Amino acid sequence: MTQKSIVILISGSGTNLQAIIDAVKQGRINASIAAVISNRADARGLQRAQRESITTAVIDQSKYSDRIAYDEALIAEIDKYNPDLVVLAGFMRILSDRFISHYRNTILNIHPSLLPEFKGLHTHLRALESSNQVHGASVHFVDNELDSGPVVIQAEVPVLANDTEETLAERVLRQEHIIYPMAIAWYIEGRLEVNDNEVLLDNNVLHRPVLWKEKQLVFSQQH
């Protein structure tokens, strides 16, 4: 049986990329990383991939006149590798409907909030300003609306009285590095799929996302 492959899209330092690389090396994700692609030539995550002899590519957003032209170039690059899954790991671009349709139900993203709360940017600051007691991260399938696709798994992080945006972000990021490889592994193993906006894990509909809390997985009573 041919090993499955993933393509990872990044824009920055690539800490989630590193967590995925480590999970592949340790056998927790039974897939190869076919390529790491960035929209920025200065993304430090490219160096992480190159150190592991993973193919890298840069599709420089500054060289394209609009989002459609850029996404067509990105699709052409990704399709060279025919991946089973496209993984967004800090990829800071809004993808076009054309791109999402081309990879329908095979794009995963991680977002630093407990969706549907705090879609978009500055999630940690917004959590603090809202006096939330609990914050976290969500892994979701990507659909045509920003940060709105079906959520697979979430990790909760308590908001502490003395938290700053930076301290809260750091603790959330540590949880991202746990739940993202987990969700990717489920998909690669054939345990996870999305059908008509419903997420299925082990053929059971997830009425609520799986929750990673206090170092264990919590499934809703309806699972």
N, C-alpha and C. Protein backbone atom coordinates (compact mmCIF):
# COMPACT_ATOMS: atom_id res chain seq x y z
N MET A 1 0.85 -1.20 0.00
CA MET A 1 0.00 0.00 0.00
C MET A 1 0.88 1.24 0.00
N THR A 2 0.60 2.16 -0.93
CA THR A 2 1.40 3.36 -1.06
C THR A 2 1.19 4.28 0.14
N GLN A 3 2.30 4.80 0.66
CA GLN A 3 2.20 5.71 1.79
C GLN A 3 1.54 7.01 1.34
N LYS A 4 0.65 7.52 2.18
CA LYS A 4 -0.02 8.77 1.86
C LYS A 4 0.92 9.95 2.06
N SER A 5 0.56 11.07 1.45
CA SER A 5 1.45 12.24 1.53
C SER A 5 0.64 13.49 1.84
N ILE A 6 1.34 14.45 2.42
CA ILE A 6 0.74 15.74 2.72
C ILE A 6 1.62 16.85 2.17
N VAL A 7 0.98 17.96 1.83
CA VAL A 7 1.68 19.20 1.49
C VAL A 7 1.29 20.23 2.54
N ILE A 8 2.29 20.94 3.04
CA ILE A 8 2.08 21.90 4.12
C ILE A 8 2.35 23.31 3.61
N LEU A 9 1.42 24.21 3.87
CA LEU A 9 1.56 25.61 3.47
C LEU A 9 1.86 26.47 4.69
N ILE A 10 2.87 27.32 4.59
CA ILE A 10 3.30 28.14 5.71
C ILE A 10 3.53 29.58 5.26
N SER A 11 3.59 30.47 6.25
CA SER A 11 3.98 31.86 5.98
C SER A 11 5.05 32.37 6.93
N GLY A 12 5.27 31.67 8.04
CA GLY A 12 6.13 32.22 9.08
C GLY A 12 7.14 31.25 9.64
N SER A 13 7.26 31.24 10.98
CA SER A 13 8.35 30.52 11.62
C SER A 13 8.19 29.00 11.59
N GLY A 14 6.96 28.54 11.46
CA GLY A 14 6.77 27.12 11.24
C GLY A 14 6.83 26.25 12.48
N THR A 15 6.33 26.72 13.61
CA THR A 15 6.36 25.86 14.80
C THR A 15 5.37 24.71 14.69
N ASN A 16 4.20 24.95 14.11
CA ASN A 16 3.28 23.83 13.87
C ASN A 16 3.85 22.89 12.81
N LEU A 17 4.52 23.44 11.82
CA LEU A 17 5.22 22.61 10.85
C LEU A 17 6.20 21.69 11.56
N GLN A 18 6.97 22.22 12.50
CA GLN A 18 7.94 21.41 13.23
C GLN A 18 7.25 20.30 14.01
N ALA A 19 6.12 20.61 14.63
CA ALA A 19 5.38 19.59 15.36
C ALA A 19 4.93 18.46 14.44
N ILE A 20 4.54 18.82 13.22
CA ILE A 20 4.11 17.80 12.25
C ILE A 20 5.31 16.99 11.76
N ILE A 21 6.42 17.67 11.48
CA ILE A 21 7.65 16.96 11.09
C ILE A 21 8.04 15.95 12.16
N ASP A 22 8.01 16.38 13.42
CA ASP A 22 8.39 15.49 14.52
C ASP A 22 7.44 14.30 14.61
N ALA A 23 6.14 14.55 14.41
CA ALA A 23 5.16 13.46 14.49
C ALA A 23 5.37 12.45 13.36
N VAL A 24 5.75 12.93 12.18
CA VAL A 24 6.05 12.02 11.06
C VAL A 24 7.29 11.19 11.38
N LYS A 25 8.34 11.86 11.88
CA LYS A 25 9.58 11.15 12.20
C LYS A 25 9.38 10.10 13.28
N GLN A 26 8.49 10.39 14.22
CA GLN A 26 8.24 9.47 15.34
C GLN A 26 7.20 8.40 15.01
N GLY A 27 6.66 8.44 13.81
CA GLY A 27 5.69 7.43 13.40
C GLY A 27 4.28 7.69 13.87
N ARG A 28 4.02 8.86 14.44
CA ARG A 28 2.65 9.17 14.89
C ARG A 28 1.77 9.60 13.73
N ILE A 29 2.36 10.08 12.66
CA ILE A 29 1.64 10.35 11.41
C ILE A 29 2.26 9.46 10.35
N ASN A 30 1.48 8.54 9.82
CA ASN A 30 2.00 7.57 8.86
C ASN A 30 1.86 8.13 7.44
N ALA A 31 2.62 9.18 7.19
CA ALA A 31 2.59 9.84 5.88
C ALA A 31 3.94 10.49 5.63
N SER A 32 4.18 10.82 4.39
CA SER A 32 5.37 11.60 4.05
C SER A 32 4.95 13.04 3.80
N ILE A 33 5.87 13.95 4.10
CA ILE A 33 5.64 15.36 3.77
C ILE A 33 6.24 15.58 2.39
N ALA A 34 5.36 15.68 1.40
CA ALA A 34 5.83 15.77 0.01
C ALA A 34 6.50 17.11 -0.26
N ALA A 35 5.98 18.17 0.34
CA ALA A 35 6.55 19.50 0.11
C ALA A 35 6.04 20.47 1.16
N VAL A 36 6.85 21.50 1.41
CA VAL A 36 6.45 22.64 2.23
C VAL A 36 6.51 23.86 1.31
N ILE A 37 5.40 24.56 1.21
CA ILE A 37 5.28 25.68 0.28
C ILE A 37 4.95 26.94 1.08
N SER A 38 5.62 28.03 0.75
CA SER A 38 5.38 29.30 1.44
C SER A 38 5.04 30.40 0.44
N ASN A 39 4.27 31.37 0.91
CA ASN A 39 4.01 32.56 0.11
C ASN A 39 5.06 33.64 0.34
N ARG A 40 6.01 33.35 1.25
CA ARG A 40 7.05 34.32 1.59
C ARG A 40 8.41 33.63 1.56
N ALA A 41 9.34 34.22 0.83
CA ALA A 41 10.68 33.64 0.72
C ALA A 41 11.43 33.68 2.04
N ASP A 42 11.06 34.62 2.95
CA ASP A 42 11.78 34.76 4.21
C ASP A 42 11.13 33.97 5.36
N ALA A 43 10.17 33.12 5.05
CA ALA A 43 9.53 32.31 6.10
C ALA A 43 10.55 31.36 6.72
N ARG A 44 10.74 31.46 8.03
CA ARG A 44 11.76 30.64 8.69
C ARG A 44 11.41 29.16 8.67
N GLY A 45 10.15 28.87 8.50
CA GLY A 45 9.74 27.47 8.41
C GLY A 45 10.37 26.74 7.24
N LEU A 46 10.73 27.46 6.19
CA LEU A 46 11.39 26.82 5.04
C LEU A 46 12.71 26.18 5.47
N GLN A 47 13.41 26.85 6.37
CA GLN A 47 14.68 26.30 6.86
C GLN A 47 14.46 25.04 7.68
N ARG A 48 13.37 25.00 8.43
CA ARG A 48 13.04 23.77 9.18
C ARG A 48 12.87 22.60 8.21
N ALA A 49 12.15 22.83 7.13
CA ALA A 49 11.92 21.77 6.15
C ALA A 49 13.21 21.36 5.47
N GLN A 50 14.02 22.34 5.09
CA GLN A 50 15.26 22.05 4.39
C GLN A 50 16.23 21.25 5.25
N ARG A 51 16.23 21.52 6.56
CA ARG A 51 17.09 20.75 7.47
C ARG A 51 16.70 19.27 7.48
N GLU A 52 15.43 19.00 7.19
CA GLU A 52 14.94 17.61 7.16
C GLU A 52 14.91 17.04 5.75
N SER A 53 15.54 17.74 4.81
CA SER A 53 15.59 17.33 3.40
C SER A 53 14.20 17.19 2.78
N ILE A 54 13.28 18.05 3.22
CA ILE A 54 11.94 18.09 2.64
C ILE A 54 11.93 19.12 1.51
N THR A 55 11.32 18.76 0.40
CA THR A 55 11.22 19.68 -0.73
C THR A 55 10.50 20.95 -0.33
N THR A 56 11.03 22.09 -0.73
CA THR A 56 10.39 23.37 -0.44
C THR A 56 10.16 24.15 -1.73
N ALA A 57 9.19 25.05 -1.68
CA ALA A 57 8.92 25.94 -2.81
C ALA A 57 8.36 27.24 -2.27
N VAL A 58 8.61 28.30 -3.00
CA VAL A 58 8.06 29.61 -2.66
C VAL A 58 7.23 30.09 -3.85
N ILE A 59 5.97 30.35 -3.58
CA ILE A 59 5.11 31.02 -4.56
C ILE A 59 4.89 32.43 -4.00
N ASP A 60 5.68 33.35 -4.49
CA ASP A 60 5.78 34.70 -3.92
C ASP A 60 4.52 35.50 -4.26
N GLN A 61 3.78 35.88 -3.22
CA GLN A 61 2.51 36.57 -3.45
C GLN A 61 2.70 37.93 -4.11
N SER A 62 3.87 38.52 -3.95
CA SER A 62 4.09 39.86 -4.51
C SER A 62 4.20 39.84 -6.04
N LYS A 63 4.30 38.66 -6.61
CA LYS A 63 4.48 38.56 -8.06
C LYS A 63 3.17 38.31 -8.81
N TYR A 64 2.07 38.33 -8.08
CA TYR A 64 0.78 38.04 -8.71
C TYR A 64 -0.18 39.20 -8.50
N SER A 65 -0.95 39.48 -9.53
CA SER A 65 -1.79 40.68 -9.53
C SER A 65 -3.02 40.55 -8.65
N ASP A 66 -3.51 39.35 -8.46
CA ASP A 66 -4.71 39.18 -7.65
C ASP A 66 -4.73 37.79 -7.03
N ARG A 67 -5.72 37.57 -6.18
CA ARG A 67 -5.80 36.32 -5.43
C ARG A 67 -6.03 35.12 -6.36
N ILE A 68 -6.85 35.31 -7.39
CA ILE A 68 -7.15 34.20 -8.30
C ILE A 68 -5.89 33.74 -9.02
N ALA A 69 -5.12 34.70 -9.53
CA ALA A 69 -3.88 34.35 -10.24
C ALA A 69 -2.91 33.65 -9.30
N TYR A 70 -2.83 34.16 -8.07
CA TYR A 70 -1.93 33.53 -7.10
C TYR A 70 -2.38 32.10 -6.80
N ASP A 71 -3.65 31.92 -6.54
CA ASP A 71 -4.13 30.59 -6.18
C ASP A 71 -3.97 29.60 -7.32
N GLU A 72 -4.11 30.05 -8.56
CA GLU A 72 -3.88 29.14 -9.70
C GLU A 72 -2.42 28.66 -9.70
N ALA A 73 -1.50 29.56 -9.41
CA ALA A 73 -0.09 29.17 -9.34
C ALA A 73 0.15 28.21 -8.18
N LEU A 74 -0.51 28.48 -7.06
CA LEU A 74 -0.36 27.62 -5.89
C LEU A 74 -0.94 26.23 -6.16
N ILE A 75 -2.09 26.17 -6.80
CA ILE A 75 -2.69 24.88 -7.16
C ILE A 75 -1.74 24.10 -8.07
N ALA A 76 -1.18 24.76 -9.06
CA ALA A 76 -0.26 24.08 -9.99
C ALA A 76 0.93 23.49 -9.25
N GLU A 77 1.44 24.21 -8.25
CA GLU A 77 2.59 23.71 -7.48
C GLU A 77 2.17 22.53 -6.61
N ILE A 78 1.07 22.66 -5.91
CA ILE A 78 0.63 21.57 -5.02
C ILE A 78 0.32 20.31 -5.83
N ASP A 79 -0.31 20.48 -6.97
CA ASP A 79 -0.72 19.32 -7.76
C ASP A 79 0.45 18.51 -8.30
N LYS A 80 1.63 19.10 -8.31
CA LYS A 80 2.82 18.33 -8.70
C LYS A 80 3.02 17.13 -7.77
N TYR A 81 2.57 17.26 -6.54
CA TYR A 81 2.84 16.24 -5.51
C TYR A 81 1.64 15.33 -5.25
N ASN A 82 0.48 15.69 -5.83
CA ASN A 82 -0.73 14.87 -5.70
C ASN A 82 -0.95 14.43 -4.25
N PRO A 83 -1.03 15.37 -3.32
CA PRO A 83 -1.13 15.00 -1.91
C PRO A 83 -2.51 14.47 -1.53
N ASP A 84 -2.55 13.68 -0.48
CA ASP A 84 -3.82 13.22 0.08
C ASP A 84 -4.46 14.28 0.96
N LEU A 85 -3.64 15.19 1.50
CA LEU A 85 -4.12 16.21 2.42
C LEU A 85 -3.28 17.47 2.27
N VAL A 86 -3.96 18.62 2.29
CA VAL A 86 -3.27 19.91 2.29
C VAL A 86 -3.42 20.49 3.70
N VAL A 87 -2.30 20.84 4.31
CA VAL A 87 -2.27 21.29 5.70
C VAL A 87 -1.84 22.75 5.75
N LEU A 88 -2.68 23.59 6.32
CA LEU A 88 -2.33 25.01 6.50
C LEU A 88 -1.73 25.17 7.90
N ALA A 89 -0.47 25.55 7.96
CA ALA A 89 0.23 25.67 9.24
C ALA A 89 0.77 27.09 9.36
N GLY A 90 -0.13 28.01 9.72
CA GLY A 90 0.25 29.41 9.77
C GLY A 90 0.38 30.02 8.38
N PHE A 91 -0.51 29.62 7.48
CA PHE A 91 -0.51 30.17 6.12
C PHE A 91 -1.43 31.38 6.13
N MET A 92 -0.84 32.57 6.01
CA MET A 92 -1.57 33.81 6.27
C MET A 92 -2.13 34.42 4.99
N ARG A 93 -2.92 33.64 4.30
CA ARG A 93 -3.63 34.15 3.13
C ARG A 93 -5.05 33.60 3.16
N ILE A 94 -5.99 34.42 2.70
CA ILE A 94 -7.36 33.95 2.51
C ILE A 94 -7.43 33.27 1.15
N LEU A 95 -7.87 32.02 1.16
CA LEU A 95 -7.87 31.23 -0.07
C LEU A 95 -9.16 31.46 -0.86
N SER A 96 -9.05 31.40 -2.17
CA SER A 96 -10.19 31.65 -3.04
C SER A 96 -11.13 30.45 -3.06
N ASP A 97 -12.36 30.70 -3.49
CA ASP A 97 -13.33 29.61 -3.65
C ASP A 97 -12.80 28.56 -4.62
N ARG A 98 -12.11 29.00 -5.64
CA ARG A 98 -11.54 28.08 -6.63
C ARG A 98 -10.56 27.11 -5.96
N PHE A 99 -9.70 27.63 -5.10
CA PHE A 99 -8.73 26.78 -4.42
C PHE A 99 -9.44 25.79 -3.50
N ILE A 100 -10.38 26.28 -2.72
CA ILE A 100 -11.08 25.42 -1.75
C ILE A 100 -11.89 24.35 -2.47
N SER A 101 -12.51 24.72 -3.57
CA SER A 101 -13.27 23.74 -4.36
C SER A 101 -12.36 22.66 -4.94
N HIS A 102 -11.17 23.07 -5.39
CA HIS A 102 -10.22 22.12 -5.99
C HIS A 102 -9.78 21.05 -4.98
N TYR A 103 -9.64 21.44 -3.72
CA TYR A 103 -9.21 20.50 -2.68
C TYR A 103 -10.33 20.25 -1.66
N ARG A 104 -11.55 20.22 -2.15
CA ARG A 104 -12.73 20.09 -1.29
C ARG A 104 -12.58 18.95 -0.29
N ASN A 105 -12.77 19.27 0.99
CA ASN A 105 -12.77 18.29 2.09
C ASN A 105 -11.40 17.66 2.35
N THR A 106 -10.35 18.25 1.80
CA THR A 106 -9.00 17.72 2.04
C THR A 106 -8.03 18.81 2.50
N ILE A 107 -8.56 19.89 3.09
CA ILE A 107 -7.71 20.96 3.63
C ILE A 107 -8.00 21.08 5.12
N LEU A 108 -6.96 20.99 5.93
CA LEU A 108 -7.08 21.22 7.36
C LEU A 108 -6.35 22.52 7.74
N ASN A 109 -6.91 23.20 8.73
CA ASN A 109 -6.29 24.42 9.25
C ASN A 109 -6.34 24.38 10.77
N ILE A 110 -5.43 25.11 11.40
CA ILE A 110 -5.49 25.29 12.85
C ILE A 110 -5.65 26.78 13.13
N HIS A 111 -6.54 27.07 14.09
CA HIS A 111 -6.85 28.47 14.40
C HIS A 111 -6.73 28.67 15.91
N PRO A 112 -6.09 29.76 16.35
CA PRO A 112 -5.85 29.95 17.78
C PRO A 112 -7.03 30.56 18.53
N SER A 113 -8.15 29.86 18.52
CA SER A 113 -9.29 30.21 19.36
C SER A 113 -10.21 29.01 19.42
N LEU A 114 -11.18 29.07 20.30
CA LEU A 114 -12.21 28.05 20.38
C LEU A 114 -13.34 28.47 19.44
N LEU A 115 -13.17 28.12 18.17
CA LEU A 115 -14.18 28.49 17.18
C LEU A 115 -15.55 28.00 17.62
N PRO A 116 -16.62 28.76 17.36
CA PRO A 116 -16.67 29.91 16.45
C PRO A 116 -16.26 31.26 17.06
N GLU A 117 -15.73 31.27 18.28
CA GLU A 117 -15.26 32.53 18.86
C GLU A 117 -14.01 33.03 18.14
N PHE A 118 -13.92 34.32 17.98
CA PHE A 118 -12.69 35.01 17.58
C PHE A 118 -12.11 34.49 16.25
N LYS A 119 -12.93 34.54 15.23
CA LYS A 119 -12.41 34.26 13.89
C LYS A 119 -11.48 35.40 13.48
N GLY A 120 -10.55 35.10 12.59
CA GLY A 120 -9.64 36.14 12.12
C GLY A 120 -8.42 36.32 13.00
N LEU A 121 -7.94 37.55 13.11
CA LEU A 121 -6.64 37.83 13.73
C LEU A 121 -6.79 38.29 15.18
N HIS A 122 -5.64 38.37 15.87
CA HIS A 122 -5.52 38.93 17.22
C HIS A 122 -6.44 38.21 18.23
N THR A 123 -6.48 36.88 18.12
CA THR A 123 -7.42 36.11 18.92
C THR A 123 -7.10 36.17 20.41
N HIS A 124 -5.83 36.16 20.77
CA HIS A 124 -5.46 36.13 22.19
C HIS A 124 -5.80 37.47 22.86
N LEU A 125 -5.52 38.55 22.17
CA LEU A 125 -5.87 39.87 22.70
C LEU A 125 -7.38 40.00 22.87
N ARG A 126 -8.12 39.51 21.89
CA ARG A 126 -9.58 39.60 21.95
C ARG A 126 -10.13 38.75 23.09
N ALA A 127 -9.51 37.59 23.34
CA ALA A 127 -9.94 36.75 24.46
C ALA A 127 -9.72 37.48 25.78
N LEU A 128 -8.58 38.15 25.91
CA LEU A 128 -8.29 38.90 27.14
C LEU A 128 -9.26 40.08 27.30
N GLU A 129 -9.49 40.79 26.22
CA GLU A 129 -10.38 41.96 26.29
C GLU A 129 -11.82 41.56 26.60
N SER A 130 -12.18 40.32 26.25
CA SER A 130 -13.54 39.83 26.51
C SER A 130 -13.67 39.19 27.89
N SER A 131 -12.57 39.18 28.64
CA SER A 131 -12.54 38.58 29.99
C SER A 131 -12.94 37.11 29.98
N ASN A 132 -12.58 36.42 28.90
CA ASN A 132 -12.85 34.99 28.84
C ASN A 132 -12.03 34.25 29.88
N GLN A 133 -12.61 33.25 30.49
CA GLN A 133 -11.88 32.42 31.44
C GLN A 133 -11.20 31.24 30.77
N VAL A 134 -11.69 30.91 29.57
CA VAL A 134 -11.13 29.78 28.81
C VAL A 134 -10.88 30.23 27.38
N HIS A 135 -9.73 29.85 26.86
CA HIS A 135 -9.34 30.16 25.49
C HIS A 135 -8.83 28.85 24.89
N GLY A 136 -8.28 28.88 23.69
CA GLY A 136 -7.76 27.63 23.16
C GLY A 136 -7.50 27.67 21.68
N ALA A 137 -7.54 26.48 21.06
CA ALA A 137 -7.23 26.34 19.64
C ALA A 137 -8.17 25.31 19.03
N SER A 138 -8.36 25.42 17.71
CA SER A 138 -9.27 24.54 16.99
C SER A 138 -8.63 24.06 15.69
N VAL A 139 -8.78 22.77 15.40
CA VAL A 139 -8.42 22.23 14.08
C VAL A 139 -9.73 22.04 13.32
N HIS A 140 -9.77 22.56 12.09
CA HIS A 140 -11.02 22.48 11.32
C HIS A 140 -10.73 22.24 9.85
N PHE A 141 -11.73 21.66 9.18
CA PHE A 141 -11.69 21.59 7.73
C PHE A 141 -11.97 22.98 7.18
N VAL A 142 -11.38 23.28 6.03
CA VAL A 142 -11.51 24.61 5.43
C VAL A 142 -12.67 24.62 4.45
N ASP A 143 -13.56 25.62 4.62
CA ASP A 143 -14.61 25.83 3.63
C ASP A 143 -14.52 27.25 3.10
N ASN A 144 -15.59 27.71 2.46
CA ASN A 144 -15.51 28.98 1.72
C ASN A 144 -15.61 30.22 2.60
N GLU A 145 -15.87 30.06 3.88
CA GLU A 145 -15.91 31.20 4.78
C GLU A 145 -14.71 31.16 5.73
N LEU A 146 -14.20 32.31 6.10
CA LEU A 146 -13.00 32.41 6.93
C LEU A 146 -13.23 31.75 8.28
N ASP A 147 -12.38 30.79 8.61
CA ASP A 147 -12.37 30.14 9.93
C ASP A 147 -13.75 29.59 10.30
N SER A 148 -14.47 29.07 9.31
CA SER A 148 -15.85 28.62 9.55
C SER A 148 -16.09 27.16 9.21
N GLY A 149 -15.08 26.44 8.75
CA GLY A 149 -15.29 25.05 8.38
C GLY A 149 -15.54 24.17 9.58
N PRO A 150 -16.04 22.95 9.36
CA PRO A 150 -16.37 22.04 10.45
C PRO A 150 -15.16 21.75 11.34
N VAL A 151 -15.36 21.89 12.65
CA VAL A 151 -14.27 21.74 13.62
C VAL A 151 -14.13 20.28 14.03
N VAL A 152 -12.90 19.80 14.07
CA VAL A 152 -12.58 18.41 14.40
C VAL A 152 -12.25 18.26 15.88
N ILE A 153 -11.30 19.06 16.35
CA ILE A 153 -10.78 18.92 17.71
C ILE A 153 -10.39 20.29 18.24
N GLN A 154 -10.59 20.49 19.54
CA GLN A 154 -10.21 21.73 20.19
C GLN A 154 -9.42 21.43 21.45
N ALA A 155 -8.56 22.36 21.83
CA ALA A 155 -7.83 22.27 23.09
C ALA A 155 -8.19 23.50 23.92
N GLU A 156 -8.52 23.27 25.17
CA GLU A 156 -8.85 24.38 26.07
C GLU A 156 -7.63 24.80 26.89
N VAL A 157 -7.50 26.10 27.08
CA VAL A 157 -6.43 26.67 27.88
C VAL A 157 -7.06 27.68 28.84
N PRO A 158 -6.84 27.55 30.14
CA PRO A 158 -7.40 28.54 31.07
C PRO A 158 -6.71 29.89 30.89
N VAL A 159 -7.49 30.94 31.01
CA VAL A 159 -6.93 32.29 30.97
C VAL A 159 -6.61 32.69 32.40
N LEU A 160 -5.35 33.01 32.67
CA LEU A 160 -4.91 33.33 34.02
C LEU A 160 -5.02 34.83 34.30
N ALA A 161 -5.15 35.16 35.56
CA ALA A 161 -5.37 36.56 35.94
C ALA A 161 -4.24 37.48 35.47
N ASN A 162 -3.01 36.96 35.44
CA ASN A 162 -1.86 37.79 35.06
C ASN A 162 -1.42 37.58 33.62
N ASP A 163 -2.27 36.96 32.81
CA ASP A 163 -1.90 36.68 31.42
C ASP A 163 -1.74 37.96 30.61
N THR A 164 -0.75 37.94 29.74
CA THR A 164 -0.62 38.93 28.68
C THR A 164 -0.93 38.23 27.37
N GLU A 165 -1.02 39.00 26.31
CA GLU A 165 -1.25 38.41 24.99
C GLU A 165 -0.17 37.37 24.67
N GLU A 166 1.07 37.69 25.06
CA GLU A 166 2.20 36.81 24.74
C GLU A 166 2.17 35.52 25.56
N THR A 167 1.89 35.62 26.85
CA THR A 167 1.89 34.40 27.68
C THR A 167 0.73 33.49 27.31
N LEU A 168 -0.41 34.07 27.00
CA LEU A 168 -1.55 33.26 26.59
C LEU A 168 -1.28 32.60 25.24
N ALA A 169 -0.71 33.35 24.32
CA ALA A 169 -0.38 32.80 23.00
C ALA A 169 0.58 31.62 23.12
N GLU A 170 1.55 31.74 24.01
CA GLU A 170 2.55 30.67 24.18
C GLU A 170 1.89 29.38 24.67
N ARG A 171 0.97 29.50 25.63
CA ARG A 171 0.33 28.30 26.15
C ARG A 171 -0.62 27.68 25.13
N VAL A 172 -1.30 28.52 24.37
CA VAL A 172 -2.18 28.00 23.32
C VAL A 172 -1.36 27.27 22.26
N LEU A 173 -0.23 27.86 21.90
CA LEU A 173 0.62 27.27 20.86
C LEU A 173 1.09 25.87 21.26
N ARG A 174 1.41 25.69 22.53
CA ARG A 174 1.85 24.36 22.99
C ARG A 174 0.74 23.32 22.77
N GLN A 175 -0.50 23.74 22.95
CA GLN A 175 -1.62 22.82 22.72
C GLN A 175 -1.85 22.58 21.22
N GLU A 176 -1.62 23.60 20.42
CA GLU A 176 -1.71 23.43 18.96
C GLU A 176 -0.78 22.32 18.50
N HIS A 177 0.41 22.30 19.08
CA HIS A 177 1.42 21.31 18.66
C HIS A 177 1.01 19.89 19.03
N ILE A 178 0.05 19.75 19.92
CA ILE A 178 -0.47 18.43 20.29
C ILE A 178 -1.64 18.03 19.40
N ILE A 179 -2.62 18.93 19.26
CA ILE A 179 -3.86 18.52 18.59
C ILE A 179 -3.76 18.50 17.07
N TYR A 180 -2.86 19.31 16.49
CA TYR A 180 -2.80 19.33 15.02
C TYR A 180 -2.24 18.01 14.47
N PRO A 181 -1.10 17.53 14.96
CA PRO A 181 -0.63 16.22 14.48
C PRO A 181 -1.66 15.11 14.73
N MET A 182 -2.40 15.20 15.83
CA MET A 182 -3.40 14.20 16.14
C MET A 182 -4.48 14.15 15.06
N ALA A 183 -5.01 15.32 14.70
CA ALA A 183 -6.06 15.37 13.67
C ALA A 183 -5.53 14.92 12.32
N ILE A 184 -4.31 15.31 11.98
CA ILE A 184 -3.72 14.89 10.71
C ILE A 184 -3.58 13.37 10.67
N ALA A 185 -3.13 12.79 11.77
CA ALA A 185 -2.99 11.32 11.84
C ALA A 185 -4.33 10.64 11.65
N TRP A 186 -5.38 11.16 12.28
CA TRP A 186 -6.71 10.57 12.10
C TRP A 186 -7.12 10.57 10.63
N TYR A 187 -6.86 11.69 9.95
CA TYR A 187 -7.23 11.78 8.54
C TYR A 187 -6.43 10.78 7.71
N ILE A 188 -5.14 10.74 7.92
CA ILE A 188 -4.27 9.86 7.14
C ILE A 188 -4.64 8.39 7.36
N GLU A 189 -5.05 8.06 8.58
CA GLU A 189 -5.44 6.68 8.90
C GLU A 189 -6.83 6.31 8.38
N GLY A 190 -7.52 7.27 7.77
CA GLY A 190 -8.86 7.00 7.26
C GLY A 190 -9.94 7.05 8.32
N ARG A 191 -9.60 7.54 9.50
CA ARG A 191 -10.56 7.60 10.61
C ARG A 191 -11.40 8.87 10.57
N LEU A 192 -10.91 9.89 9.89
CA LEU A 192 -11.54 11.21 9.90
C LEU A 192 -11.96 11.61 8.49
N GLU A 193 -13.20 12.08 8.38
CA GLU A 193 -13.66 12.60 7.10
C GLU A 193 -14.74 13.64 7.35
N VAL A 194 -15.04 14.38 6.30
CA VAL A 194 -16.12 15.36 6.39
C VAL A 194 -17.05 15.10 5.22
N ASN A 195 -18.35 15.12 5.52
CA ASN A 195 -19.35 14.80 4.52
C ASN A 195 -20.55 15.72 4.73
N ASP A 196 -20.85 16.55 3.72
CA ASP A 196 -21.98 17.49 3.84
C ASP A 196 -21.90 18.31 5.12
N ASN A 197 -20.71 18.79 5.40
CA ASN A 197 -20.46 19.66 6.56
C ASN A 197 -20.54 18.93 7.91
N GLU A 198 -20.64 17.62 7.88
CA GLU A 198 -20.59 16.82 9.11
C GLU A 198 -19.23 16.15 9.21
N VAL A 199 -18.64 16.22 10.39
CA VAL A 199 -17.37 15.54 10.63
C VAL A 199 -17.64 14.16 11.19
N LEU A 200 -17.00 13.16 10.60
CA LEU A 200 -17.11 11.79 11.08
C LEU A 200 -15.76 11.32 11.57
N LEU A 201 -15.72 10.76 12.77
CA LEU A 201 -14.53 10.14 13.33
C LEU A 201 -14.89 8.70 13.67
N ASP A 202 -14.14 7.77 13.08
CA ASP A 202 -14.44 6.34 13.25
C ASP A 202 -15.90 6.06 12.91
N ASN A 203 -16.38 6.70 11.83
CA ASN A 203 -17.74 6.52 11.30
C ASN A 203 -18.84 7.05 12.21
N ASN A 204 -18.47 7.79 13.24
CA ASN A 204 -19.45 8.43 14.11
C ASN A 204 -19.48 9.93 13.86
N VAL A 205 -20.66 10.49 13.72
CA VAL A 205 -20.79 11.93 13.53
C VAL A 205 -20.37 12.65 14.81
N LEU A 206 -19.50 13.64 14.65
CA LEU A 206 -19.11 14.47 15.80
C LEU A 206 -20.12 15.61 15.92
N HIS A 207 -21.03 15.50 16.88
CA HIS A 207 -21.99 16.57 17.09
C HIS A 207 -21.32 17.79 17.73
N ARG A 208 -20.24 17.54 18.43
CA ARG A 208 -19.37 18.61 18.95
C ARG A 208 -17.93 18.17 18.72
N PRO A 209 -17.01 19.12 18.61
CA PRO A 209 -15.61 18.73 18.39
C PRO A 209 -15.07 17.88 19.54
N VAL A 210 -14.14 17.01 19.21
CA VAL A 210 -13.37 16.31 20.25
C VAL A 210 -12.63 17.39 21.06
N LEU A 211 -12.54 17.18 22.36
CA LEU A 211 -11.89 18.17 23.23
C LEU A 211 -10.64 17.55 23.85
N TRP A 212 -9.51 18.25 23.71
CA TRP A 212 -8.28 17.86 24.40
C TRP A 212 -8.20 18.71 25.66
N LYS A 213 -8.36 18.06 26.80
CA LYS A 213 -8.46 18.79 28.06
C LYS A 213 -7.75 18.00 29.14
N GLU A 214 -6.86 18.66 29.83
CA GLU A 214 -6.12 18.03 30.92
C GLU A 214 -5.45 16.73 30.45
N LYS A 215 -4.84 16.82 29.28
CA LYS A 215 -4.03 15.74 28.70
C LYS A 215 -4.82 14.49 28.36
N GLN A 216 -6.11 14.66 28.08
CA GLN A 216 -6.87 13.52 27.60
C GLN A 216 -7.95 13.98 26.61
N LEU A 217 -8.40 13.05 25.78
CA LEU A 217 -9.44 13.35 24.80
C LEU A 217 -10.81 13.17 25.45
N VAL A 218 -11.67 14.15 25.20
CA VAL A 218 -13.03 14.10 25.73
C VAL A 218 -13.99 14.14 24.54
N PHE A 219 -14.84 13.12 24.44
CA PHE A 219 -15.82 13.05 23.37
C PHE A 219 -17.20 13.46 23.92
N SER A 220 -17.98 14.12 23.10
CA SER A 220 -19.32 14.50 23.55
C SER A 220 -20.14 13.26 23.83
N GLN A 221 -21.17 13.40 24.64
CA GLN A 221 -22.04 12.28 24.97
C GLN A 221 -22.76 11.73 23.76
N GLN A 222 -22.85 12.56 22.73
CA GLN A 222 -23.57 12.13 21.52
C GLN A 222 -22.68 11.36 20.56
N HIS A 223 -21.38 11.28 20.87
CA HIS A 223 -20.46 10.59 19.97
C HIS A 223 -20.73 9.08 19.99
